[in-house]
């Protein structure tokens, strides 16, 4: 038997656990449970904050879209009014030009 096999046999030999082994294991389990619950709470808080932030951003985006649509509609009305006024001016200019042509034809 070589040294490796002896070390392996020694490490696998049955030993009695220390007297307070069970208490230490139970204490560690409770600590892990407390940390686990604490971690879940922080995860829940983080998820809630993320939802609130994303919801707020979504609402702001929706409001911006509504405002953009309103501005677009106002621009379209302004362009229609401007087009109508420009047509009126063009009609007046055409009328003036026709009068001038008639007056030149008379002279």
PDB file of N, CA and C in Angstrom:
ATOM      1  N   UNK A   1       0.860  -1.171   0.000  1.00  0.00           N
ATOM      2  CA  UNK A   1       0.000   0.000   0.000  1.00  0.00           C
ATOM      3  C   UNK A   1       0.906   1.233   0.000  1.00  0.00           C
ATOM      4  N   UNK A   2       0.633   2.135  -0.913  1.00  0.00           N
ATOM      5  CA  UNK A   2       1.476   3.339  -0.979  1.00  0.00           C
ATOM      6  C   UNK A   2       0.908   4.443  -0.088  1.00  0.00           C
ATOM      7  N   UNK A   3       1.628   5.564  -0.054  1.00  0.00           N
ATOM      8  CA  UNK A   3       1.272   6.682   0.844  1.00  0.00           C
ATOM      9  C   UNK A   3      -0.107   7.259   0.502  1.00  0.00           C
ATOM     10  N   UNK A   4      -0.397   7.362  -0.798  1.00  0.00           N
ATOM     11  CA  UNK A   4      -1.693   7.899  -1.232  1.00  0.00           C
ATOM     12  C   UNK A   4      -2.843   7.066  -0.677  1.00  0.00           C
ATOM     13  N   UNK A   5      -2.749   5.769  -0.791  1.00  0.00           N
ATOM     14  CA  UNK A   5      -3.807   4.883  -0.299  1.00  0.00           C
ATOM     15  C   UNK A   5      -3.947   4.986   1.213  1.00  0.00           C
ATOM     16  N   UNK A   6      -2.825   5.107   1.935  1.00  0.00           N
ATOM     17  CA  UNK A   6      -2.890   5.265   3.393  1.00  0.00           C
ATOM     18  C   UNK A   6      -3.589   6.573   3.775  1.00  0.00           C
ATOM     19  N   UNK A   7      -3.236   7.646   3.059  1.00  0.00           N
ATOM     20  CA  UNK A   7      -3.873   8.956   3.338  1.00  0.00           C
ATOM     21  C   UNK A   7      -5.365   8.904   3.044  1.00  0.00           C
ATOM     22  N   UNK A   8      -5.708   8.246   1.950  1.00  0.00           N
ATOM     23  CA  UNK A   8      -7.119   8.117   1.579  1.00  0.00           C
ATOM     24  C   UNK A   8      -7.864   7.311   2.637  1.00  0.00           C
ATOM     25  N   UNK A   9      -7.285   6.186   3.071  1.00  0.00           N
ATOM     26  CA  UNK A   9      -7.928   5.345   4.084  1.00  0.00           C
ATOM     27  C   UNK A   9      -8.092   6.125   5.386  1.00  0.00           C
ATOM     28  N   UNK A  10      -7.066   6.903   5.753  1.00  0.00           N
ATOM     29  CA  UNK A  10      -7.121   7.692   6.987  1.00  0.00           C
ATOM     30  C   UNK A  10      -8.208   8.769   6.908  1.00  0.00           C
ATOM     31  N   UNK A  11      -8.314   9.405   5.742  1.00  0.00           N
ATOM     32  CA  UNK A  11      -9.307  10.468   5.616  1.00  0.00           C
ATOM     33  C   UNK A  11     -10.730   9.923   5.580  1.00  0.00           C
ATOM     34  N   UNK A  12     -10.890   8.676   5.149  1.00  0.00           N
ATOM     35  CA  UNK A  12     -12.224   8.073   5.083  1.00  0.00           C
ATOM     36  C   UNK A  12     -12.588   7.302   6.353  1.00  0.00           C
ATOM     37  N   UNK A  13     -11.690   7.247   7.315  1.00  0.00           N
ATOM     38  CA  UNK A  13     -11.950   6.527   8.558  1.00  0.00           C
ATOM     39  C   UNK A  13     -13.077   7.208   9.340  1.00  0.00           C
ATOM     40  N   UNK A  14     -13.928   6.399   9.957  1.00  0.00           N
ATOM     41  CA  UNK A  14     -15.070   6.908  10.712  1.00  0.00           C
ATOM     42  C   UNK A  14     -14.573   7.573  11.985  1.00  0.00           C
ATOM     43  N   UNK A  15     -15.083   8.798  12.245  1.00  0.00           N
ATOM     44  CA  UNK A  15     -14.733   9.542  13.453  1.00  0.00           C
ATOM     45  C   UNK A  15     -16.016  10.050  14.099  1.00  0.00           C
ATOM     46  N   UNK A  16     -15.965  10.229  15.371  1.00  0.00           N
ATOM     47  CA  UNK A  16     -17.107  10.787  16.087  1.00  0.00           C
ATOM     48  C   UNK A  16     -17.098  12.308  15.912  1.00  0.00           C
ATOM     49  N   UNK A  17     -18.267  12.902  15.647  1.00  0.00           N
ATOM     50  CA  UNK A  17     -18.314  14.370  15.499  1.00  0.00           C
ATOM     51  C   UNK A  17     -18.136  15.039  16.856  1.00  0.00           C
ATOM     52  N   UNK A  18     -17.732  16.298  16.867  1.00  0.00           N
ATOM     53  CA  UNK A  18     -17.607  17.020  18.134  1.00  0.00           C
ATOM     54  C   UNK A  18     -18.960  17.090  18.843  1.00  0.00           C
ATOM     55  N   UNK A  19     -18.959  17.309  20.112  1.00  0.00           N
ATOM     56  CA  UNK A  19     -20.182  17.309  20.921  1.00  0.00           C
ATOM     57  C   UNK A  19     -21.162  18.392  20.481  1.00  0.00           C
ATOM     58  N   UNK A  20     -20.681  19.553  20.107  1.00  0.00           N
ATOM     59  CA  UNK A  20     -21.575  20.658  19.740  1.00  0.00           C
ATOM     60  C   UNK A  20     -21.830  20.731  18.227  1.00  0.00           C
ATOM     61  N   UNK A  21     -21.535  19.647  17.504  1.00  0.00           N
ATOM     62  CA  UNK A  21     -21.694  19.637  16.043  1.00  0.00           C
ATOM     63  C   UNK A  21     -23.138  19.915  15.618  1.00  0.00           C
ATOM     64  N   UNK A  22     -24.084  19.231  16.226  1.00  0.00           N
ATOM     65  CA  UNK A  22     -25.498  19.397  15.856  1.00  0.00           C
ATOM     66  C   UNK A  22     -25.965  20.821  16.133  1.00  0.00           C
ATOM     67  N   UNK A  23     -25.567  21.372  17.264  1.00  0.00           N
ATOM     68  CA  UNK A  23     -25.982  22.739  17.595  1.00  0.00           C
ATOM     69  C   UNK A  23     -25.406  23.733  16.592  1.00  0.00           C
ATOM     70  N   UNK A  24     -24.142  23.519  16.192  1.00  0.00           N
ATOM     71  CA  UNK A  24     -23.525  24.414  15.204  1.00  0.00           C
ATOM     72  C   UNK A  24     -24.235  24.327  13.854  1.00  0.00           C
ATOM     73  N   UNK A  25     -24.574  23.113  13.444  1.00  0.00           N
ATOM     74  CA  UNK A  25     -25.272  22.930  12.165  1.00  0.00           C
ATOM     75  C   UNK A  25     -26.634  23.612  12.206  1.00  0.00           C
ATOM     76  N   UNK A  26     -27.383  23.420  13.293  1.00  0.00           N
ATOM     77  CA  UNK A  26     -28.704  24.037  13.411  1.00  0.00           C
ATOM     78  C   UNK A  26     -28.601  25.568  13.448  1.00  0.00           C
ATOM     79  N   UNK A  27     -27.591  26.074  14.149  1.00  0.00           N
ATOM     80  CA  UNK A  27     -27.409  27.529  14.209  1.00  0.00           C
ATOM     81  C   UNK A  27     -27.099  28.080  12.828  1.00  0.00           C
ATOM     82  N   UNK A  28     -26.244  27.383  12.085  1.00  0.00           N
ATOM     83  CA  UNK A  28     -25.928  27.840  10.724  1.00  0.00           C
ATOM     84  C   UNK A  28     -27.145  27.786   9.821  1.00  0.00           C
ATOM     85  N   UNK A  29     -27.979  26.766   9.995  1.00  0.00           N
ATOM     86  CA  UNK A  29     -29.190  26.672   9.170  1.00  0.00           C
ATOM     87  C   UNK A  29     -30.114  27.837   9.463  1.00  0.00           C
ATOM     88  N   UNK A  30     -30.269  28.180  10.734  1.00  0.00           N
ATOM     89  CA  UNK A  30     -31.120  29.324  11.080  1.00  0.00           C
ATOM     90  C   UNK A  30     -30.550  30.611  10.487  1.00  0.00           C
ATOM     91  N   UNK A  31     -29.231  30.802  10.580  1.00  0.00           N
ATOM     92  CA  UNK A  31     -28.598  31.989   9.994  1.00  0.00           C
ATOM     93  C   UNK A  31     -28.839  32.049   8.495  1.00  0.00           C
ATOM     94  N   UNK A  32     -28.724  30.897   7.841  1.00  0.00           N
ATOM     95  CA  UNK A  32     -28.947  30.834   6.393  1.00  0.00           C
ATOM     96  C   UNK A  32     -30.393  31.170   6.071  1.00  0.00           C
ATOM     97  N   UNK A  33     -31.339  30.649   6.880  1.00  0.00           N
ATOM     98  CA  UNK A  33     -32.755  30.938   6.656  1.00  0.00           C
ATOM     99  C   UNK A  33     -33.021  32.431   6.818  1.00  0.00           C
ATOM    100  N   UNK A  34     -32.441  33.029   7.856  1.00  0.00           N
ATOM    101  CA  UNK A  34     -32.636  34.461   8.094  1.00  0.00           C
ATOM    102  C   UNK A  34     -32.055  35.250   6.929  1.00  0.00           C
ATOM    103  N   UNK A  35     -30.826  34.879   6.501  1.00  0.00           N
ATOM    104  CA  UNK A  35     -30.220  35.568   5.365  1.00  0.00           C
ATOM    105  C   UNK A  35     -31.038  35.356   4.102  1.00  0.00           C
ATOM    106  N   UNK A  36     -31.586  34.148   3.947  1.00  0.00           N
ATOM    107  CA  UNK A  36     -32.384  33.843   2.759  1.00  0.00           C
ATOM    108  C   UNK A  36     -33.650  34.701   2.731  1.00  0.00           C
ATOM    109  N   UNK A  37     -34.358  34.785   3.858  1.00  0.00           N
ATOM    110  CA  UNK A  37     -35.569  35.614   3.943  1.00  0.00           C
ATOM    111  C   UNK A  37     -35.204  37.070   3.711  1.00  0.00           C
ATOM    112  N   UNK A  38     -34.099  37.495   4.324  1.00  0.00           N
ATOM    113  CA  UNK A  38     -33.624  38.870   4.157  1.00  0.00           C
ATOM    114  C   UNK A  38     -33.314  39.140   2.688  1.00  0.00           C
ATOM    115  N   UNK A  39     -32.665  38.195   2.010  1.00  0.00           N
ATOM    116  CA  UNK A  39     -32.337  38.345   0.590  1.00  0.00           C
ATOM    117  C   UNK A  39     -33.607  38.432  -0.251  1.00  0.00           C
ATOM    118  N   UNK A  40     -34.583  37.571   0.061  1.00  0.00           N
ATOM    119  CA  UNK A  40     -35.842  37.598  -0.684  1.00  0.00           C
ATOM    120  C   UNK A  40     -36.562  38.918  -0.494  1.00  0.00           C
ATOM    121  N   UNK A  41     -36.499  39.455   0.704  1.00  0.00           N
ATOM    122  CA  UNK A  41     -37.148  40.753   0.941  1.00  0.00           C
ATOM    123  C   UNK A  41     -36.485  41.836   0.103  1.00  0.00           C
ATOM    124  N   UNK A  42     -35.144  41.842   0.097  1.00  0.00           N
ATOM    125  CA  UNK A  42     -34.443  42.853  -0.712  1.00  0.00           C
ATOM    126  C   UNK A  42     -34.723  42.658  -2.186  1.00  0.00           C
ATOM    127  N   UNK A  43     -34.804  41.413  -2.612  1.00  0.00           N
ATOM    128  CA  UNK A  43     -35.124  41.143  -4.012  1.00  0.00           C
ATOM    129  C   UNK A  43     -36.524  41.643  -4.344  1.00  0.00           C
ATOM    130  N   UNK A  44     -37.468  41.426  -3.438  1.00  0.00           N
ATOM    131  CA  UNK A  44     -38.837  41.901  -3.657  1.00  0.00           C
ATOM    132  C   UNK A  44     -38.876  43.428  -3.701  1.00  0.00           C
ATOM    133  N   UNK A  45     -38.139  44.069  -2.809  1.00  0.00           N
ATOM    134  CA  UNK A  45     -38.090  45.536  -2.798  1.00  0.00           C
ATOM    135  C   UNK A  45     -37.474  46.047  -4.100  1.00  0.00           C
ATOM    136  N   UNK A  46     -36.392  45.413  -4.540  1.00  0.00           N
ATOM    137  CA  UNK A  46     -35.741  45.824  -5.792  1.00  0.00           C
ATOM    138  C   UNK A  46     -36.685  45.648  -6.981  1.00  0.00           C
ATOM    139  N   UNK A  47     -37.418  44.536  -7.003  1.00  0.00           N
ATOM    140  CA  UNK A  47     -38.375  44.298  -8.088  1.00  0.00           C
ATOM    141  C   UNK A  47     -39.486  45.339  -8.064  1.00  0.00           C
ATOM    142  N   UNK A  48     -39.955  45.669  -6.871  1.00  0.00           N
ATOM    143  CA  UNK A  48     -41.004  46.675  -6.742  1.00  0.00           C
ATOM    144  C   UNK A  48     -40.522  48.041  -7.231  1.00  0.00           C
ATOM    145  N   UNK A  49     -39.311  48.409  -6.842  1.00  0.00           N
ATOM    146  CA  UNK A  49     -38.749  49.687  -7.291  1.00  0.00           C
ATOM    147  C   UNK A  49     -38.601  49.691  -8.813  1.00  0.00           C
ATOM    148  N   UNK A  50     -38.112  48.576  -9.370  1.00  0.00           N
ATOM    149  CA  UNK A  50     -37.957  48.479 -10.828  1.00  0.00           C
ATOM    150  C   UNK A  50     -39.304  48.618 -11.526  1.00  0.00           C
ATOM    151  N   UNK A  51     -40.335  47.987 -10.980  1.00  0.00           N
ATOM    152  CA  UNK A  51     -41.673  48.105 -11.563  1.00  0.00           C
ATOM    153  C   UNK A  51     -42.194  49.534 -11.486  1.00  0.00           C
ATOM    154  N   UNK A  52     -41.955  50.184 -10.360  1.00  0.00           N
ATOM    155  CA  UNK A  52     -42.424  51.559 -10.211  1.00  0.00           C
ATOM    156  C   UNK A  52     -41.716  52.484 -11.202  1.00  0.00           C
ATOM    157  N   UNK A  53     -40.409  52.320 -11.337  1.00  0.00           N
ATOM    158  CA  UNK A  53     -39.644  53.164 -12.259  1.00  0.00           C
ATOM    159  C   UNK A  53     -40.092  52.918 -13.693  1.00  0.00           C
ATOM    160  N   UNK A  54     -40.214  51.642 -14.070  1.00  0.00           N
ATOM    161  CA  UNK A  54     -40.624  51.349 -15.443  1.00  0.00           C
ATOM    162  C   UNK A  54     -42.063  51.810 -15.698  1.00  0.00           C
ATOM    163  N   UNK A  55     -42.936  51.684 -14.705  1.00  0.00           N
ATOM    164  CA  UNK A  55     -44.309  52.176 -14.860  1.00  0.00           C
ATOM    165  C   UNK A  55     -44.357  53.680 -15.026  1.00  0.00           C
ATOM    166  N   UNK A  56     -43.546  54.373 -14.234  1.00  0.00           N
ATOM    167  CA  UNK A  56     -43.484  55.832 -14.347  1.00  0.00           C
ATOM    168  C   UNK A  56     -42.972  56.246 -15.716  1.00  0.00           C
ATOM    169  N   UNK A  57     -41.922  55.572 -16.186  1.00  0.00           N
ATOM    170  CA  UNK A  57     -41.379  55.890 -17.518  1.00  0.00           C
ATOM    171  C   UNK A  57     -42.406  55.601 -18.609  1.00  0.00           C
ATOM    172  N   UNK A  58     -43.153  54.517 -18.455  1.00  0.00           N
ATOM    173  CA  UNK A  58     -44.180  54.175 -19.442  1.00  0.00           C
ATOM    174  C   UNK A  58     -45.270  55.251 -19.489  1.00  0.00           C
ATOM    175  N   UNK A  59     -45.714  55.688 -18.314  1.00  0.00           N
ATOM    176  CA  UNK A  59     -46.748  56.728 -18.250  1.00  0.00           C
ATOM    177  C   UNK A  59     -46.236  58.028 -18.860  1.00  0.00           C
ATOM    178  N   UNK A  60     -44.975  58.384 -18.553  1.00  0.00           N
ATOM    179  CA  UNK A  60     -44.409  59.605 -19.129  1.00  0.00           C
ATOM    180  C   UNK A  60     -44.330  59.506 -20.647  1.00  0.00           C
ATOM    181  N   UNK A  61     -43.970  58.332 -21.155  1.00  0.00           N
ATOM    182  CA  UNK A  61     -43.889  58.141 -22.604  1.00  0.00           C
ATOM    183  C   UNK A  61     -45.276  58.277 -23.228  1.00  0.00           C
ATOM    184  N   UNK A  62     -46.281  57.709 -22.586  1.00  0.00           N
ATOM    185  CA  UNK A  62     -47.648  57.814 -23.099  1.00  0.00           C
ATOM    186  C   UNK A  62     -48.104  59.281 -23.124  1.00  0.00           C
ATOM    187  N   UNK A  63     -47.811  60.013 -22.044  1.00  0.00           N
ATOM    188  CA  UNK A  63     -48.197  61.423 -21.989  1.00  0.00           C
ATOM    189  C   UNK A  63     -47.475  62.222 -23.074  1.00  0.00           C
ATOM    190  N   UNK A  64     -46.200  61.900 -23.318  1.00  0.00           N
ATOM    191  CA  UNK A  64     -45.444  62.594 -24.356  1.00  0.00           C
ATOM    192  C   UNK A  64     -46.044  62.316 -25.729  1.00  0.00           C
ATOM    193  N   UNK A  65     -46.472  61.074 -25.964  1.00  0.00           N
ATOM    194  CA  UNK A  65     -47.092  60.736 -27.236  1.00  0.00           C
ATOM    195  C   UNK A  65     -48.398  61.503 -27.425  1.00  0.00           C
ATOM    196  N   UNK A  66     -49.192  61.618 -26.371  1.00  0.00           N
ATOM    197  CA  UNK A  66     -50.447  62.372 -26.449  1.00  0.00           C
ATOM    198  C   UNK A  66     -50.145  63.836 -26.761  1.00  0.00           C
ATOM    199  N   UNK A  67     -49.148  64.389 -26.080  1.00  0.00           N
ATOM    200  CA  UNK A  67     -48.762  65.788 -26.315  1.00  0.00           C
ATOM    201  C   UNK A  67     -48.253  65.968 -27.751  1.00  0.00           C
ATOM    202  N   UNK A  68     -47.492  65.013 -28.246  1.00  0.00           N
ATOM    203  CA  UNK A  68     -46.999  65.093 -29.626  1.00  0.00           C
ATOM    204  C   UNK A  68     -48.154  65.065 -30.622  1.00  0.00           C
ATOM    205  N   UNK A  69     -49.128  64.201 -30.381  1.00  0.00           N
ATOM    206  CA  UNK A  69     -50.296  64.136 -31.270  1.00  0.00           C
ATOM    207  C   UNK A  69     -51.077  65.452 -31.248  1.00  0.00           C
ATOM    208  N   UNK A  70     -51.227  66.028 -30.054  1.00  0.00           N
ATOM    209  CA  UNK A  70     -51.929  67.302 -29.922  1.00  0.00           C
ATOM    210  C   UNK A  70     -51.183  68.400 -30.690  1.00  0.00           C
ATOM    211  N   UNK A  71     -49.872  68.426 -30.548  1.00  0.00           N
ATOM    212  CA  UNK A  71     -49.063  69.423 -31.258  1.00  0.00           C
ATOM    213  C   UNK A  71     -49.160  69.227 -32.760  1.00  0.00           C
ATOM    214  N   UNK A  72     -49.155  67.984 -33.200  1.00  0.00           N
ATOM    215  CA  UNK A  72     -49.276  67.693 -34.634  1.00  0.00           C
ATOM    216  C   UNK A  72     -50.617  68.199 -35.172  1.00  0.00           C
ATOM    217  N   UNK A  73     -51.669  67.944 -34.404  1.00  0.00           N
ATOM    218  CA  UNK A  73     -52.999  68.397 -34.843  1.00  0.00           C
ATOM    219  C   UNK A  73     -53.060  69.925 -34.914  1.00  0.00           C
ATOM    220  N   UNK A  74     -52.471  70.599 -33.915  1.00  0.00           N
ATOM    221  CA  UNK A  74     -52.443  72.057 -33.931  1.00  0.00           C
ATOM    222  C   UNK A  74     -51.645  72.579 -35.133  1.00  0.00           C
ATOM    223  N   UNK A  75     -50.556  71.917 -35.457  1.00  0.00           N
ATOM    224  CA  UNK A  75     -49.755  72.313 -36.618  1.00  0.00           C
ATOM    225  C   UNK A  75     -50.549  72.134 -37.899  1.00  0.00           C
ATOM    226  N   UNK A  76     -51.269  71.039 -38.001  1.00  0.00           N
ATOM    227  CA  UNK A  76     -52.074  70.798 -39.209  1.00  0.00           C
ATOM    228  C   UNK A  76     -53.157  71.873 -39.354  1.00  0.00           C
ATOM    229  N   UNK A  77     -53.799  72.263 -38.262  1.00  0.00           N
ATOM    230  CA  UNK A  77     -54.810  73.326 -38.314  1.00  0.00           C
ATOM    231  C   UNK A  77     -54.157  74.637 -38.741  1.00  0.00           C
ATOM    232  N   UNK A  78     -52.990  74.939 -38.174  1.00  0.00           N
ATOM    233  CA  UNK A  78     -52.290  76.175 -38.528  1.00  0.00           C
ATOM    234  C   UNK A  78     -51.910  76.170 -40.003  1.00  0.00           C
ATOM    235  N   UNK A  79     -51.473  75.039 -40.521  1.00  0.00           N
ATOM    236  CA  UNK A  79     -51.115  74.955 -41.946  1.00  0.00           C
ATOM    237  C   UNK A  79     -52.345  75.111 -42.838  1.00  0.00           C
ATOM    238  N   UNK A  80     -53.469  74.546 -42.422  1.00  0.00           N
ATOM    239  CA  UNK A  80     -54.704  74.724 -43.211  1.00  0.00           C
ATOM    240  C   UNK A  80     -55.115  76.198 -43.235  1.00  0.00           C
ATOM    241  N   UNK A  81     -55.048  76.855 -42.082  1.00  0.00           N
ATOM    242  CA  UNK A  81     -55.400  78.276 -42.010  1.00  0.00           C
ATOM    243  C   UNK A  81     -54.446  79.085 -42.883  1.00  0.00           C
ATOM    244  N   UNK A  82     -53.147  78.800 -42.771  1.00  0.00           N
ATOM    245  CA  UNK A  82     -52.152  79.516 -43.576  1.00  0.00           C
ATOM    246  C   UNK A  82     -52.399  79.286 -45.052  1.00  0.00           C
ATOM    247  N   UNK A  83     -52.687  78.058 -45.445  1.00  0.00           N
ATOM    248  CA  UNK A  83     -52.973  77.751 -46.853  1.00  0.00           C
ATOM    249  C   UNK A  83     -54.191  78.513 -47.343  1.00  0.00           C
ATOM    250  N   UNK A  84     -55.223  78.575 -46.504  1.00  0.00           N
ATOM    251  CA  UNK A  84     -56.438  79.301 -46.872  1.00  0.00           C
ATOM    252  C   UNK A  84     -56.158  80.796 -47.047  1.00  0.00           C
ATOM    253  N   UNK A  85     -55.400  81.365 -46.113  1.00  0.00           N
ATOM    254  CA  UNK A  85     -55.073  82.794 -46.205  1.00  0.00           C
ATOM    255  C   UNK A  85     -54.206  83.068 -47.431  1.00  0.00           C
ATOM    256  N   UNK A  86     -53.272  82.177 -47.717  1.00  0.00           N
ATOM    257  CA  UNK A  86     -52.419  82.369 -48.891  1.00  0.00           C
ATOM    258  C   UNK A  86     -53.239  82.284 -50.179  1.00  0.00           C
ATOM    259  N   UNK A  87     -54.246  81.413 -50.188  1.00  0.00           N
ATOM    260  CA  UNK A  87     -55.120  81.334 -51.371  1.00  0.00           C
ATOM    261  C   UNK A  87     -55.887  82.639 -51.530  1.00  0.00           C
ATOM    262  N   UNK A  88     -56.369  83.214 -50.409  1.00  0.00           N
ATOM    263  CA  UNK A  88     -57.054  84.508 -50.462  1.00  0.00           C
ATOM    264  C   UNK A  88     -56.140  85.587 -51.031  1.00  0.00           C
ATOM    265  N   UNK A  89     -54.895  85.623 -50.563  1.00  0.00           N
ATOM    266  CA  UNK A  89     -53.932  86.620 -51.053  1.00  0.00           C
ATOM    267  C   UNK A  89     -53.660  86.393 -52.528  1.00  0.00           C
ATOM    268  N   UNK A  90     -53.501  85.135 -52.935  1.00  0.00           N
ATOM    269  CA  UNK A  90     -53.257  84.824 -54.348  1.00  0.00           C
ATOM    270  C   UNK A  90     -54.441  85.255 -55.204  1.00  0.00           C
ATOM    271  N   UNK A  91     -55.653  85.016 -54.726  1.00  0.00           N
ATOM    272  CA  UNK A  91     -56.852  85.440 -55.473  1.00  0.00           C
ATOM    273  C   UNK A  91     -56.886  86.962 -55.618  1.00  0.00           C
ATOM    274  N   UNK A  92     -56.561  87.709 -54.550  1.00  0.00           N
ATOM    275  CA  UNK A  92     -56.539  89.174 -54.624  1.00  0.00           C
ATOM    276  C   UNK A  92     -55.473  89.662 -55.599  1.00  0.00           C
ATOM    277  N   UNK A  93     -54.290  89.028 -55.531  1.00  0.00           N
ATOM    278  CA  UNK A  93     -53.227  89.420 -56.452  1.00  0.00           C
ATOM    279  C   UNK A  93     -53.629  89.147 -57.898  1.00  0.00           C
ATOM    280  N   UNK A  94     -54.289  88.026 -58.146  1.00  0.00           N
ATOM    281  CA  UNK A  94     -54.762  87.718 -59.496  1.00  0.00           C
ATOM    282  C   UNK A  94     -55.810  88.739 -59.953  1.00  0.00           C
ATOM    283  N   UNK A  95     -56.694  89.129 -59.040  1.00  0.00           N
ATOM    284  CA  UNK A  95     -57.708  90.127 -59.384  1.00  0.00           C
ATOM    285  C   UNK A  95     -57.050  91.464 -59.718  1.00  0.00           C
ATOM    286  N   UNK A  96     -56.070  91.874 -58.930  1.00  0.00           N
ATOM    287  CA  UNK A  96     -55.360  93.130 -59.187  1.00  0.00           C
ATOM    288  C   UNK A  96     -54.645  93.057 -60.531  1.00  0.00           C
ATOM    289  N   UNK A  97     -54.008  91.930 -60.788  1.00  0.00           N
ATOM    290  CA  UNK A  97     -53.281  91.772 -62.042  1.00  0.00           C
ATOM    291  C   UNK A  97     -54.245  91.834 -63.231  1.00  0.00           C
ATOM    292  N   UNK A  98     -55.407  91.219 -63.117  1.00  0.00           N
ATOM    293  CA  UNK A  98     -56.380  91.250 -64.213  1.00  0.00           C
ATOM    294  C   UNK A  98     -56.878  92.682 -64.447  1.00  0.00           C
ATOM    295  N   UNK A  99     -57.090  93.437 -63.350  1.00  0.00           N
ATOM    296  CA  UNK A  99     -57.519  94.831 -63.501  1.00  0.00           C
ATOM    297  C   UNK A  99     -56.441  95.648 -64.200  1.00  0.00           C
ATOM    298  N   UNK A 100     -55.203  95.399 -63.842  1.00  0.00           N
ATOM    299  CA  UNK A 100     -54.106  96.139 -64.454  1.00  0.00           C
ATOM    300  C   UNK A 100     -54.009  95.808 -65.936  1.00  0.00           C
ATOM    301  N   UNK A 101     -54.180  94.541 -66.282  1.00  0.00           N
ATOM    302  CA  UNK A 101     -54.117  94.146 -67.690  1.00  0.00           C
ATOM    303  C   UNK A 101     -55.260  94.812 -68.455  1.00  0.00           C
ATOM    304  N   UNK A 102     -56.464  94.861 -67.879  1.00  0.00           N
ATOM    305  CA  UNK A 102     -57.595  95.520 -68.526  1.00  0.00           C
ATOM    306  C   UNK A 102     -57.326  97.005 -68.692  1.00  0.00           C
ATOM    307  N   UNK A 103     -56.784  97.617 -67.652  1.00  0.00           N
ATOM    308  CA  UNK A 103     -56.495  99.052 -67.719  1.00  0.00           C
ATOM    309  C   UNK A 103     -55.433  99.333 -68.778  1.00  0.00           C
ATOM    310  N   UNK A 104     -54.454  98.482 -68.918  1.00  0.00           N
ATOM    311  CA  UNK A 104     -53.427  98.678 -69.936  1.00  0.00           C
ATOM    312  C   UNK A 104     -54.034  98.462 -71.313  1.00  0.00           C
ATOM    313  N   UNK A 105     -54.980  97.550 -71.418  1.00  0.00           N
ATOM    314  CA  UNK A 105     -55.641  97.308 -72.712  1.00  0.00           C
ATOM    315  C   UNK A 105     -56.529  98.479 -73.112  1.00  0.00           C
ATOM    316  N   UNK A 106     -57.058  99.214 -72.144  1.00  0.00           N
ATOM    317  CA  UNK A 106     -57.919 100.352 -72.428  1.00  0.00           C
ATOM    318  C   UNK A 106     -57.077 101.515 -72.890  1.00  0.00           C
ATOM    319  N   UNK A 107     -55.908 101.659 -72.354  1.00  0.00           N
ATOM    320  CA  UNK A 107     -55.092 102.835 -72.689  1.00  0.00           C
ATOM    321  C   UNK A 107     -54.452 102.670 -73.982  1.00  0.00           C
TER     322      UNK A 107
END
